[in-house]
Amino acid sequence: MNKWLEIKWSLHPLFIMILLASTLTGYFLELITLFLLVIVHELGHIVMAFAVGWRVKAVKLLPFGGVVEVDEGNGASAKDEWLVAIAGPLQNIWMAAFAWMMGDLGVWSIEWTNYLIQANLWLAAFNMLPILPLDGGKIVLAMLSYRFQFFDVLLWTARMSIVCSVILISYALLPVFQKLEGIKLNELMIGIFLLYSNLTYHRHVPFLFYRFLLFRSKRVEQLEVAGARVVPIFAQSQQSLYEVFKRFKREQLHLLCVVDGGTRGMKLYSEQETLQYSADGSNLHRAVGELFR
């Protein structure tokens, strides 16, 4: 692990395995080129992250891109998240166009031009697959955040990523069943990595949601300044605070309306007030009627 631009950079073991395999099969130059393309791809994410005010802590490089570790991700807007995500594939698009221009001018050979164009388009297309932590998966998560409850978005993007990872593994194994050629080893390793990552991600959804709640107060302040519309959430007094939080939408402000079935009365609480109970260490599984007495 090394530091560059005040960011910790590291190679994922999967990248090292493919590097060794490429060296043994005589594709070392191509892999080094791919490595440089991946770095430019990640720099696109980093520059955009800086532009929206995020602090980037670390980058872990993988054969198809990388994982950028930031501080503000869970408290950021959906817009910032998809802007940072799309910035990576856009680097591959301009690099493919630049390679075509250099080839057309005769600066380098047609073979090398074709390789650079194909490598960039492959990186861009692969990263746009709707699988976390790929850019496409992050964009889907951000877009769904505009419309659906955030807990459900976390849960269903995790499930979608698992299904798509299985499809990728099946694609890598398909030639064997068709008896056409051998296993697509790179795709198989990447598919297994993505499947394992998303099975872990799925188990961690409750913790990711808690992290979202920890950052939520800051996001609420931003939404209030932006004049976001306030959407009421009606809850019975016996419902748990956690169940209420699961109905939060990332890009909306909420007003909690607690209905007391016994007195038929109703109490109103702002989202900030509701979050304050959580920040003060109240049990999230207690009934909201108890918390607001």
Protein backbone atom coordinates (compact mmCIF):
# COMPACT_ATOMS: atom_id res chain seq x y z
CA MET A 1 0.00 0.00 0.00
CA ASN A 2 1.38 3.42 -1.02
CA LYS A 3 0.21 7.01 -0.62
CA TRP A 4 -0.33 9.27 -3.62
CA LEU A 5 -2.37 12.50 -3.62
CA GLU A 6 -2.80 11.90 0.15
CA ILE A 7 -4.75 8.74 -0.75
CA LYS A 8 -3.76 5.17 0.13
CA TRP A 9 -3.48 3.03 -3.01
CA SER A 10 -3.35 -0.76 -2.96
CA LEU A 11 -3.66 -3.71 -5.34
CA HIS A 12 -6.36 -6.26 -4.67
CA PRO A 13 -5.01 -9.86 -4.55
CA LEU A 14 -7.25 -10.65 -7.56
CA PHE A 15 -5.31 -8.12 -9.63
CA ILE A 16 -2.01 -9.68 -8.55
CA MET A 17 -3.27 -13.15 -9.55
CA ILE A 18 -4.26 -11.93 -13.02
CA LEU A 19 -0.93 -10.07 -13.31
CA LEU A 20 0.95 -13.31 -12.66
CA ALA A 21 -1.25 -15.24 -15.09
CA SER A 22 -0.71 -12.62 -17.80
CA THR A 23 3.05 -12.73 -17.28
CA LEU A 24 3.09 -16.51 -17.70
CA THR A 25 0.97 -16.34 -20.86
CA GLY A 26 2.93 -13.52 -22.49
CA TYR A 27 0.37 -10.72 -22.08
CA PHE A 28 2.38 -8.61 -19.65
CA LEU A 29 2.46 -5.44 -21.81
CA GLU A 30 -1.29 -5.60 -22.34
CA LEU A 31 -1.90 -5.97 -18.60
CA ILE A 32 0.38 -3.02 -17.77
CA THR A 33 -1.62 -0.96 -20.27
CA LEU A 34 -4.85 -2.15 -18.64
CA PHE A 35 -3.40 -1.20 -15.25
CA LEU A 36 -2.74 2.36 -16.49
CA LEU A 37 -6.25 2.60 -17.94
CA VAL A 38 -7.68 1.49 -14.59
CA ILE A 39 -5.67 4.21 -12.80
CA VAL A 40 -7.03 6.90 -15.15
CA HIS A 41 -10.52 5.45 -14.61
CA GLU A 42 -10.10 5.78 -10.84
CA LEU A 43 -8.66 9.30 -11.16
CA GLY A 44 -11.94 10.24 -12.83
CA HIS A 45 -13.79 9.09 -9.71
CA ILE A 46 -11.33 10.88 -7.43
CA VAL A 47 -11.46 14.23 -9.27
CA MET A 48 -15.26 14.18 -9.24
CA ALA A 49 -15.29 13.15 -5.57
CA PHE A 50 -13.11 16.18 -4.76
CA ALA A 51 -15.39 18.37 -6.90
CA VAL A 52 -18.49 17.43 -4.85
CA GLY A 53 -16.61 17.89 -1.58
CA TRP A 54 -15.92 14.30 -0.58
CA ARG A 55 -12.72 13.23 1.18
CA VAL A 56 -11.13 10.19 -0.47
CA LYS A 57 -9.24 7.97 1.98
CA ALA A 58 -8.15 4.96 -0.06
CA VAL A 59 -8.36 3.26 -3.45
CA LYS A 60 -8.10 -0.51 -3.95
CA LEU A 61 -7.33 -1.37 -7.59
CA LEU A 62 -9.00 -4.34 -9.26
CA PRO A 63 -8.63 -5.64 -12.84
CA PHE A 64 -11.89 -3.97 -13.88
CA GLY A 65 -11.58 -0.72 -11.94
CA GLY A 66 -11.31 -0.12 -8.25
CA VAL A 67 -13.05 0.53 -4.97
CA VAL A 68 -12.84 4.12 -3.73
CA GLU A 69 -13.16 4.56 0.03
CA VAL A 70 -14.66 7.92 1.06
CA ASP A 71 -15.88 9.51 4.28
CA GLU A 72 -18.97 11.26 2.98
CA GLY A 73 -20.49 8.56 0.77
CA ASN A 74 -23.34 7.49 3.07
CA GLY A 75 -24.30 11.07 3.88
CA ALA A 76 -24.05 12.35 0.33
CA SER A 77 -26.86 13.13 -2.07
CA ALA A 78 -27.93 10.66 -4.72
CA LYS A 79 -26.84 13.19 -7.34
CA ASP A 80 -23.29 13.35 -5.97
CA GLU A 81 -23.12 9.57 -5.80
CA TRP A 82 -24.08 8.97 -9.43
CA LEU A 83 -21.85 11.84 -10.63
CA VAL A 84 -18.84 10.25 -8.91
CA ALA A 85 -19.80 6.81 -10.27
CA ILE A 86 -20.24 7.90 -13.91
CA ALA A 87 -16.97 9.87 -13.90
CA GLY A 88 -14.92 6.64 -14.12
CA PRO A 89 -16.45 5.13 -17.30
CA LEU A 90 -16.37 8.57 -18.96
CA GLN A 91 -12.56 8.48 -18.76
CA ASN A 92 -12.55 5.26 -20.76
CA ILE A 93 -14.78 6.84 -23.41
CA TRP A 94 -12.44 9.77 -24.05
CA MET A 95 -9.40 7.49 -23.96
CA ALA A 96 -10.99 5.22 -26.58
CA ALA A 97 -11.70 8.28 -28.76
CA PHE A 98 -8.12 9.50 -28.27
CA ALA A 99 -6.72 6.07 -29.23
CA TRP A 100 -8.83 6.09 -32.42
CA MET A 101 -7.57 9.60 -33.29
CA MET A 102 -3.92 8.63 -32.73
CA GLY A 103 -4.39 5.52 -34.85
CA ASP A 104 -6.08 7.52 -37.60
CA LEU A 105 -3.12 9.92 -37.61
CA GLY A 106 -0.69 7.00 -37.84
CA VAL A 107 0.95 7.71 -34.49
CA TRP A 108 0.76 4.02 -33.60
CA SER A 109 -0.25 0.77 -35.28
CA ILE A 110 -3.77 -0.34 -36.13
CA GLU A 111 -3.34 -3.39 -33.87
CA TRP A 112 -2.41 -1.24 -30.87
CA THR A 113 -5.21 1.21 -31.67
CA ASN A 114 -7.74 -1.62 -31.75
CA TYR A 115 -6.45 -3.00 -28.45
CA LEU A 116 -6.71 0.37 -26.69
CA ILE A 117 -10.19 1.01 -28.05
CA GLN A 118 -11.40 -2.47 -27.09
CA ALA A 119 -9.80 -2.33 -23.63
CA ASN A 120 -11.37 1.05 -22.85
CA LEU A 121 -14.79 0.10 -24.14
CA TRP A 122 -14.60 -3.20 -22.22
CA LEU A 123 -13.73 -1.36 -18.99
CA ALA A 124 -16.52 1.17 -19.52
CA ALA A 125 -19.13 -1.46 -20.42
CA PHE A 126 -18.13 -3.87 -17.65
CA ASN A 127 -18.20 -1.14 -15.01
CA MET A 128 -21.69 -0.16 -16.09
CA LEU A 129 -23.07 -3.60 -15.20
CA PRO A 130 -25.72 -3.26 -12.44
CA ILE A 131 -23.55 -5.01 -9.85
CA LEU A 132 -22.11 -3.49 -6.69
CA PRO A 133 -19.41 -2.24 -6.21
CA LEU A 134 -19.22 -1.54 -9.96
CA ASP A 135 -20.16 1.92 -11.15
CA GLY A 136 -23.37 0.65 -12.74
CA GLY A 137 -24.50 -0.79 -9.42
CA LYS A 138 -23.80 2.50 -7.65
CA ILE A 139 -25.70 4.45 -10.30
CA VAL A 140 -28.71 2.11 -9.96
CA LEU A 141 -28.61 2.52 -6.17
CA ALA A 142 -28.45 6.31 -6.48
CA MET A 143 -31.29 6.49 -9.02
CA LEU A 144 -33.57 4.20 -6.99
CA SER A 145 -32.90 6.42 -3.96
CA TYR A 146 -34.97 9.18 -5.55
CA ARG A 147 -38.10 7.03 -5.62
CA PHE A 148 -37.97 4.28 -3.00
CA GLN A 149 -37.33 3.86 0.72
CA PHE A 150 -33.59 3.73 1.29
CA PHE A 151 -33.56 0.50 3.31
CA ASP A 152 -35.38 -1.26 0.46
CA VAL A 153 -32.94 0.25 -2.04
CA LEU A 154 -29.97 -1.18 -0.13
CA LEU A 155 -31.64 -4.57 0.14
CA TRP A 156 -32.77 -4.89 -3.49
CA THR A 157 -29.55 -3.58 -5.04
CA ALA A 158 -27.71 -6.22 -2.99
CA ARG A 159 -30.04 -8.95 -4.28
CA MET A 160 -29.80 -7.65 -7.85
CA SER A 161 -26.00 -7.69 -7.58
CA ILE A 162 -26.01 -11.30 -6.35
CA VAL A 163 -28.20 -12.43 -9.25
CA CYS A 164 -26.07 -10.59 -11.82
CA SER A 165 -22.88 -12.03 -10.30
CA VAL A 166 -24.30 -15.54 -10.73
CA ILE A 167 -25.15 -14.70 -14.36
CA LEU A 168 -21.55 -13.54 -14.92
CA ILE A 169 -20.19 -16.79 -13.44
CA SER A 170 -22.57 -18.78 -15.66
CA TYR A 171 -21.34 -16.83 -18.68
CA ALA A 172 -17.74 -17.70 -17.79
CA LEU A 173 -18.61 -21.41 -17.51
CA LEU A 174 -20.95 -21.56 -20.52
CA PRO A 175 -18.28 -22.52 -23.12
CA VAL A 176 -17.47 -25.67 -21.12
CA PHE A 177 -21.09 -26.85 -21.19
CA GLN A 178 -21.31 -26.05 -24.90
CA LYS A 179 -18.00 -27.89 -25.42
CA LEU A 180 -16.68 -25.00 -27.50
CA GLU A 181 -13.63 -23.89 -25.52
CA GLY A 182 -12.23 -23.64 -22.01
CA ILE A 183 -13.44 -21.62 -19.05
CA LYS A 184 -13.27 -17.83 -19.33
CA LEU A 185 -10.92 -17.67 -16.35
CA ASN A 186 -10.76 -13.88 -15.88
CA GLU A 187 -14.54 -13.51 -15.98
CA LEU A 188 -14.92 -16.48 -13.62
CA MET A 189 -12.52 -15.03 -11.02
CA ILE A 190 -14.15 -11.60 -11.23
CA GLY A 191 -17.64 -13.14 -11.02
CA ILE A 192 -16.71 -15.17 -7.93
CA PHE A 193 -15.20 -12.07 -6.32
CA LEU A 194 -18.34 -10.03 -7.03
CA LEU A 195 -20.61 -12.81 -5.76
CA TYR A 196 -18.66 -13.14 -2.51
CA SER A 197 -18.58 -9.33 -2.09
CA ASN A 198 -22.33 -9.01 -2.57
CA LEU A 199 -23.22 -11.94 -0.31
CA THR A 200 -21.22 -10.12 2.36
CA TYR A 201 -22.86 -6.81 1.40
CA HIS A 202 -26.31 -8.39 1.72
CA ARG A 203 -25.53 -9.58 5.26
CA HIS A 204 -24.29 -6.10 6.15
CA VAL A 205 -27.35 -4.19 4.88
CA PRO A 206 -28.60 -3.47 8.45
CA PHE A 207 -25.19 -2.06 9.39
CA LEU A 208 -25.06 0.00 6.19
CA PHE A 209 -28.49 1.34 7.06
CA TYR A 210 -27.33 2.29 10.56
CA ARG A 211 -24.42 4.12 8.92
CA PHE A 212 -26.91 5.96 6.71
CA LEU A 213 -28.79 7.06 9.85
CA LEU A 214 -25.57 8.30 11.46
CA PHE A 215 -24.95 10.60 8.49
CA ARG A 216 -28.61 11.49 8.03
CA SER A 217 -28.65 14.62 10.24
CA LYS A 218 -26.09 16.31 8.01
CA ARG A 219 -28.08 15.38 4.90
CA VAL A 220 -31.30 16.68 6.51
CA GLU A 221 -29.64 20.08 6.97
CA GLN A 222 -28.66 20.10 3.29
CA LEU A 223 -32.19 19.16 2.22
CA GLU A 224 -33.66 21.91 4.40
CA VAL A 225 -31.37 24.50 2.79
CA ALA A 226 -32.30 23.19 -0.67
CA GLY A 227 -36.00 23.51 0.18
CA ALA A 228 -36.80 19.82 -0.28
CA ARG A 229 -40.44 18.87 0.16
CA VAL A 230 -41.53 17.38 3.46
CA VAL A 231 -43.33 14.03 3.28
CA PRO A 232 -45.29 12.82 6.34
CA ILE A 233 -44.78 9.34 7.75
CA PHE A 234 -47.72 8.06 9.77
CA ALA A 235 -46.86 5.58 12.50
CA GLN A 236 -48.85 3.86 15.25
CA SER A 237 -47.49 4.46 18.73
CA GLN A 238 -46.64 0.76 19.13
CA GLN A 239 -44.41 0.70 16.03
CA SER A 240 -40.66 0.64 16.61
CA LEU A 241 -38.44 3.58 15.76
CA TYR A 242 -36.41 1.29 13.51
CA GLU A 243 -39.49 0.44 11.43
CA VAL A 244 -40.14 4.15 11.04
CA PHE A 245 -36.57 4.82 9.92
CA LYS A 246 -36.86 2.07 7.30
CA ARG A 247 -39.50 4.19 5.58
CA PHE A 248 -37.13 7.14 5.10
CA LYS A 249 -36.33 8.17 1.53
CA ARG A 250 -32.87 9.50 0.86
CA GLU A 251 -33.88 12.63 -1.07
CA GLN A 252 -36.90 13.68 0.98
CA LEU A 253 -37.49 15.29 4.34
CA HIS A 254 -39.95 13.60 6.65
CA LEU A 255 -42.40 14.61 9.31
CA LEU A 256 -43.22 11.83 11.76
CA CYS A 257 -46.91 11.67 12.69
CA VAL A 258 -47.36 9.37 15.70
CA VAL A 259 -50.94 8.22 16.14
CA ASP A 260 -51.96 7.10 19.63
CA GLY A 261 -54.65 4.45 19.22
CA GLY A 262 -55.83 4.83 22.82
CA THR A 263 -56.45 8.58 22.88
CA ARG A 264 -56.85 8.94 19.12
CA GLY A 265 -54.43 11.82 19.39
CA MET A 266 -51.51 12.62 17.11
CA LYS A 267 -48.09 14.08 17.79
CA LEU A 268 -45.83 15.56 15.12
CA TYR A 269 -42.04 15.38 15.15
CA SER A 270 -39.49 16.66 12.67
CA GLU A 271 -36.98 14.28 11.18
CA GLN A 272 -34.16 15.94 13.14
CA GLU A 273 -36.02 15.38 16.42
CA THR A 274 -36.59 11.74 15.51
CA LEU A 275 -32.94 11.24 14.61
CA GLN A 276 -31.84 12.87 17.85
CA TYR A 277 -33.38 10.01 19.85
CA SER A 278 -31.24 7.61 17.87
CA ALA A 279 -28.12 9.72 18.35
CA ASP A 280 -28.75 9.83 22.09
CA GLY A 281 -28.51 6.05 22.24
CA SER A 282 -32.18 5.13 22.49
CA ASN A 283 -33.04 1.54 21.59
CA LEU A 284 -34.19 1.65 17.96
CA HIS A 285 -36.57 -1.24 18.57
CA ARG A 286 -38.57 0.53 21.28
CA ALA A 287 -42.05 1.75 20.37
CA VAL A 288 -42.21 5.34 19.15
CA GLY A 289 -45.02 5.94 21.63
CA GLU A 290 -42.54 5.35 24.50
CA LEU A 291 -39.82 7.49 23.02
CA PHE A 292 -41.96 10.56 22.60
CA ARG A 293 -43.71 10.69 25.96
